[in-house]
Amino acid sequence: MVIFLLTGQYMEYVHNRQLPDGIRMLSCIRHIYLLLTGLINLAIGIYFNQWRPGWRRKLQTVGSLLIVLAPAPLLAGFFTEPNKGPEQTMLAPVGIFAVSLGALLHLISSLRQNDHTESG
């Protein structure tokens, strides 16, 4: 969430609305992606209950790692990709894929589970 706030300030004071529309739009999109990952990290941090050892815990751990690491490529993409254009972006899609896959793994790990007493 702090990164989201800082990138917003960067956009306001460094770019100062002087960018061409396309580049400004791509910067705003990456800025919103950072908000998305910040909110997902915050929500999972608040409600996280670790499963007992087993396949559910492994999926949950991998999903959590993907979600925690997703802001890194998004932040790098925020600074490097808007000038390249939408057809040459690589970092933002990696971050979006990571947060999406992480959320999906969390969902799968909790399917058909009534409590957190899974033994494997």
C-alpha atoms as a PDB file:
ATOM      1  CA  MET A   1       0.000   0.000   0.000  1.00  0.00           C
ATOM      2  CA  VAL A   2       2.928   2.314   0.710  1.00  0.00           C
ATOM      3  CA  ILE A   3       4.326   1.659  -2.768  1.00  0.00           C
ATOM      4  CA  PHE A   4       0.942   2.579  -4.246  1.00  0.00           C
ATOM      5  CA  LEU A   5       0.972   5.886  -2.382  1.00  0.00           C
ATOM      6  CA  LEU A   6       4.560   6.638  -3.393  1.00  0.00           C
ATOM      7  CA  THR A   7       3.978   5.856  -7.070  1.00  0.00           C
ATOM      8  CA  GLY A   8       0.948   8.152  -6.983  1.00  0.00           C
ATOM      9  CA  GLN A   9       3.122  10.962  -5.658  1.00  0.00           C
ATOM     10  CA  TYR A  10       5.738  10.155  -8.298  1.00  0.00           C
ATOM     11  CA  MET A  11       3.110  10.430 -11.031  1.00  0.00           C
ATOM     12  CA  GLU A  12       1.821  13.734  -9.664  1.00  0.00           C
ATOM     13  CA  TYR A  13       5.136  15.500  -9.064  1.00  0.00           C
ATOM     14  CA  VAL A  14       7.513  13.967 -11.595  1.00  0.00           C
ATOM     15  CA  HIS A  15       5.193  13.471 -14.565  1.00  0.00           C
ATOM     16  CA  ASN A  16       3.005  16.432 -13.599  1.00  0.00           C
ATOM     17  CA  ARG A  17       0.428  15.517 -16.283  1.00  0.00           C
ATOM     18  CA  GLN A  18       2.835  16.417 -19.071  1.00  0.00           C
ATOM     19  CA  LEU A  19       3.078  12.945 -20.559  1.00  0.00           C
ATOM     20  CA  PRO A  20       1.314  11.978 -23.779  1.00  0.00           C
ATOM     21  CA  ASP A  21      -2.070  10.349 -23.160  1.00  0.00           C
ATOM     22  CA  GLY A  22      -0.964   6.791 -24.004  1.00  0.00           C
ATOM     23  CA  ILE A  23       2.059   6.797 -21.726  1.00  0.00           C
ATOM     24  CA  ARG A  24       0.081   8.463 -18.927  1.00  0.00           C
ATOM     25  CA  MET A  25      -2.648   5.809 -19.278  1.00  0.00           C
ATOM     26  CA  LEU A  26      -0.134   2.960 -19.074  1.00  0.00           C
ATOM     27  CA  SER A  27       1.423   4.542 -15.972  1.00  0.00           C
ATOM     28  CA  CYS A  28      -2.014   4.833 -14.362  1.00  0.00           C
ATOM     29  CA  ILE A  29      -2.799   1.204 -15.175  1.00  0.00           C
ATOM     30  CA  ARG A  30       0.412   0.002 -13.556  1.00  0.00           C
ATOM     31  CA  HIS A  31      -0.330   2.252 -10.600  1.00  0.00           C
ATOM     32  CA  ILE A  32      -3.737   0.554 -10.188  1.00  0.00           C
ATOM     33  CA  TYR A  33      -2.101  -2.880 -10.477  1.00  0.00           C
ATOM     34  CA  LEU A  34       0.050  -1.931  -7.487  1.00  0.00           C
ATOM     35  CA  LEU A  35      -3.114  -1.030  -5.576  1.00  0.00           C
ATOM     36  CA  LEU A  36      -4.601  -4.420  -6.494  1.00  0.00           C
ATOM     37  CA  THR A  37      -1.620  -6.383  -5.205  1.00  0.00           C
ATOM     38  CA  GLY A  38      -1.379  -4.226  -2.091  1.00  0.00           C
ATOM     39  CA  LEU A  39      -5.028  -4.847  -1.223  1.00  0.00           C
ATOM     40  CA  ILE A  40      -4.764  -8.582  -1.892  1.00  0.00           C
ATOM     41  CA  ASN A  41      -1.644  -8.801   0.277  1.00  0.00           C
ATOM     42  CA  LEU A  42      -3.417  -6.863   3.005  1.00  0.00           C
ATOM     43  CA  ALA A  43      -6.533  -9.059   2.866  1.00  0.00           C
ATOM     44  CA  ILE A  44      -4.580 -12.302   2.946  1.00  0.00           C
ATOM     45  CA  GLY A  45      -2.407 -10.984   5.768  1.00  0.00           C
ATOM     46  CA  ILE A  46      -5.484 -10.218   7.841  1.00  0.00           C
ATOM     47  CA  TYR A  47      -7.341 -13.472   7.242  1.00  0.00           C
ATOM     48  CA  PHE A  48      -4.505 -15.961   6.761  1.00  0.00           C
ATOM     49  CA  ASN A  49      -4.915 -19.291   8.544  1.00  0.00           C
ATOM     50  CA  GLN A  50      -2.227 -21.808   7.765  1.00  0.00           C
ATOM     51  CA  TRP A  51      -3.301 -25.353   6.962  1.00  0.00           C
ATOM     52  CA  ARG A  52      -1.726 -28.314   8.688  1.00  0.00           C
ATOM     53  CA  PRO A  53       1.135 -29.975   6.777  1.00  0.00           C
ATOM     54  CA  GLY A  54       0.003 -31.583   3.543  1.00  0.00           C
ATOM     55  CA  TRP A  55      -0.866 -30.681  -0.017  1.00  0.00           C
ATOM     56  CA  ARG A  56      -3.193 -27.868   1.016  1.00  0.00           C
ATOM     57  CA  ARG A  57      -0.432 -26.148   2.957  1.00  0.00           C
ATOM     58  CA  LYS A  58       1.983 -26.516   0.034  1.00  0.00           C
ATOM     59  CA  LEU A  59      -0.494 -24.894  -2.367  1.00  0.00           C
ATOM     60  CA  GLN A  60      -1.192 -22.175   0.177  1.00  0.00           C
ATOM     61  CA  THR A  61       2.524 -21.485   0.658  1.00  0.00           C
ATOM     62  CA  VAL A  62       3.249 -21.281  -3.067  1.00  0.00           C
ATOM     63  CA  GLY A  63       0.203 -19.063  -3.559  1.00  0.00           C
ATOM     64  CA  SER A  64       1.296 -16.770  -0.747  1.00  0.00           C
ATOM     65  CA  LEU A  65       4.817 -16.474  -2.179  1.00  0.00           C
ATOM     66  CA  LEU A  66       3.448 -15.589  -5.607  1.00  0.00           C
ATOM     67  CA  ILE A  67       1.174 -12.930  -4.132  1.00  0.00           C
ATOM     68  CA  VAL A  68       3.924 -11.453  -1.943  1.00  0.00           C
ATOM     69  CA  LEU A  69       6.383 -11.312  -4.847  1.00  0.00           C
ATOM     70  CA  ALA A  70       3.908  -9.995  -7.457  1.00  0.00           C
ATOM     71  CA  PRO A  71       4.425  -6.288  -6.637  1.00  0.00           C
ATOM     72  CA  ALA A  72       8.126  -6.474  -7.619  1.00  0.00           C
ATOM     73  CA  PRO A  73       7.626  -6.950 -11.382  1.00  0.00           C
ATOM     74  CA  LEU A  74       4.674  -4.573 -11.282  1.00  0.00           C
ATOM     75  CA  LEU A  75       6.813  -1.869  -9.684  1.00  0.00           C
ATOM     76  CA  ALA A  76       9.602  -2.459 -12.197  1.00  0.00           C
ATOM     77  CA  GLY A  77       7.029  -2.294 -14.987  1.00  0.00           C
ATOM     78  CA  PHE A  78       5.652   0.958 -13.601  1.00  0.00           C
ATOM     79  CA  PHE A  79       9.001   2.651 -14.163  1.00  0.00           C
ATOM     80  CA  THR A  80      10.179   0.935 -17.358  1.00  0.00           C
ATOM     81  CA  GLU A  81       7.228  -0.152 -19.486  1.00  0.00           C
ATOM     82  CA  PRO A  82       4.968   2.857 -20.182  1.00  0.00           C
ATOM     83  CA  ASN A  83       7.497   4.342 -22.617  1.00  0.00           C
ATOM     84  CA  LYS A  84       7.737   1.059 -24.529  1.00  0.00           C
ATOM     85  CA  GLY A  85       4.091   0.776 -25.465  1.00  0.00           C
ATOM     86  CA  PRO A  86       1.566  -1.966 -24.749  1.00  0.00           C
ATOM     87  CA  GLU A  87       2.950  -4.447 -27.288  1.00  0.00           C
ATOM     88  CA  GLN A  88       6.398  -4.574 -25.640  1.00  0.00           C
ATOM     89  CA  THR A  89       5.472  -5.088 -22.007  1.00  0.00           C
ATOM     90  CA  MET A  90       6.743  -8.116 -20.130  1.00  0.00           C
ATOM     91  CA  LEU A  91       6.981  -7.209 -16.448  1.00  0.00           C
ATOM     92  CA  ALA A  92       3.409  -6.162 -15.695  1.00  0.00           C
ATOM     93  CA  PRO A  93       1.910  -9.350 -17.177  1.00  0.00           C
ATOM     94  CA  VAL A  94       4.277 -11.420 -15.013  1.00  0.00           C
ATOM     95  CA  GLY A  95       3.063  -9.602 -11.892  1.00  0.00           C
ATOM     96  CA  ILE A  96      -0.588  -9.941 -12.887  1.00  0.00           C
ATOM     97  CA  PHE A  97      -0.122 -13.635 -13.634  1.00  0.00           C
ATOM     98  CA  ALA A  98       1.648 -14.173 -10.288  1.00  0.00           C
ATOM     99  CA  VAL A  99      -1.091 -12.543  -8.213  1.00  0.00           C
ATOM    100  CA  SER A 100      -3.805 -14.355 -10.192  1.00  0.00           C
ATOM    101  CA  LEU A 101      -2.153 -17.751  -9.854  1.00  0.00           C
ATOM    102  CA  GLY A 102      -1.470 -17.126  -6.175  1.00  0.00           C
ATOM    103  CA  ALA A 103      -5.125 -16.323  -5.510  1.00  0.00           C
ATOM    104  CA  LEU A 104      -6.197 -19.400  -7.487  1.00  0.00           C
ATOM    105  CA  LEU A 105      -3.859 -21.624  -5.445  1.00  0.00           C
ATOM    106  CA  HIS A 106      -5.322 -20.200  -2.239  1.00  0.00           C
ATOM    107  CA  LEU A 107      -8.788 -20.989  -3.540  1.00  0.00           C
ATOM    108  CA  ILE A 108      -7.877 -24.558  -4.503  1.00  0.00           C
ATOM    109  CA  SER A 109      -6.228 -25.178  -1.144  1.00  0.00           C
ATOM    110  CA  SER A 110      -9.466 -24.287   0.630  1.00  0.00           C
ATOM    111  CA  LEU A 111     -11.953 -26.203  -1.526  1.00  0.00           C
ATOM    112  CA  ARG A 112     -14.145 -28.729   0.291  1.00  0.00           C
ATOM    113  CA  GLN A 113     -12.508 -27.934   3.571  1.00  0.00           C
ATOM    114  CA  ASN A 114     -14.641 -27.119   6.605  1.00  0.00           C
ATOM    115  CA  ASP A 115     -11.905 -26.333   9.097  1.00  0.00           C
ATOM    116  CA  HIS A 116      -8.141 -25.951   9.354  1.00  0.00           C
ATOM    117  CA  THR A 117      -7.451 -29.460  10.666  1.00  0.00           C
ATOM    118  CA  GLU A 118      -6.350 -31.017   7.355  1.00  0.00           C
ATOM    119  CA  SER A 119      -3.668 -33.619   7.949  1.00  0.00           C
ATOM    120  CA  GLY A 120      -2.613 -34.159   4.377  1.00  0.00           C
END
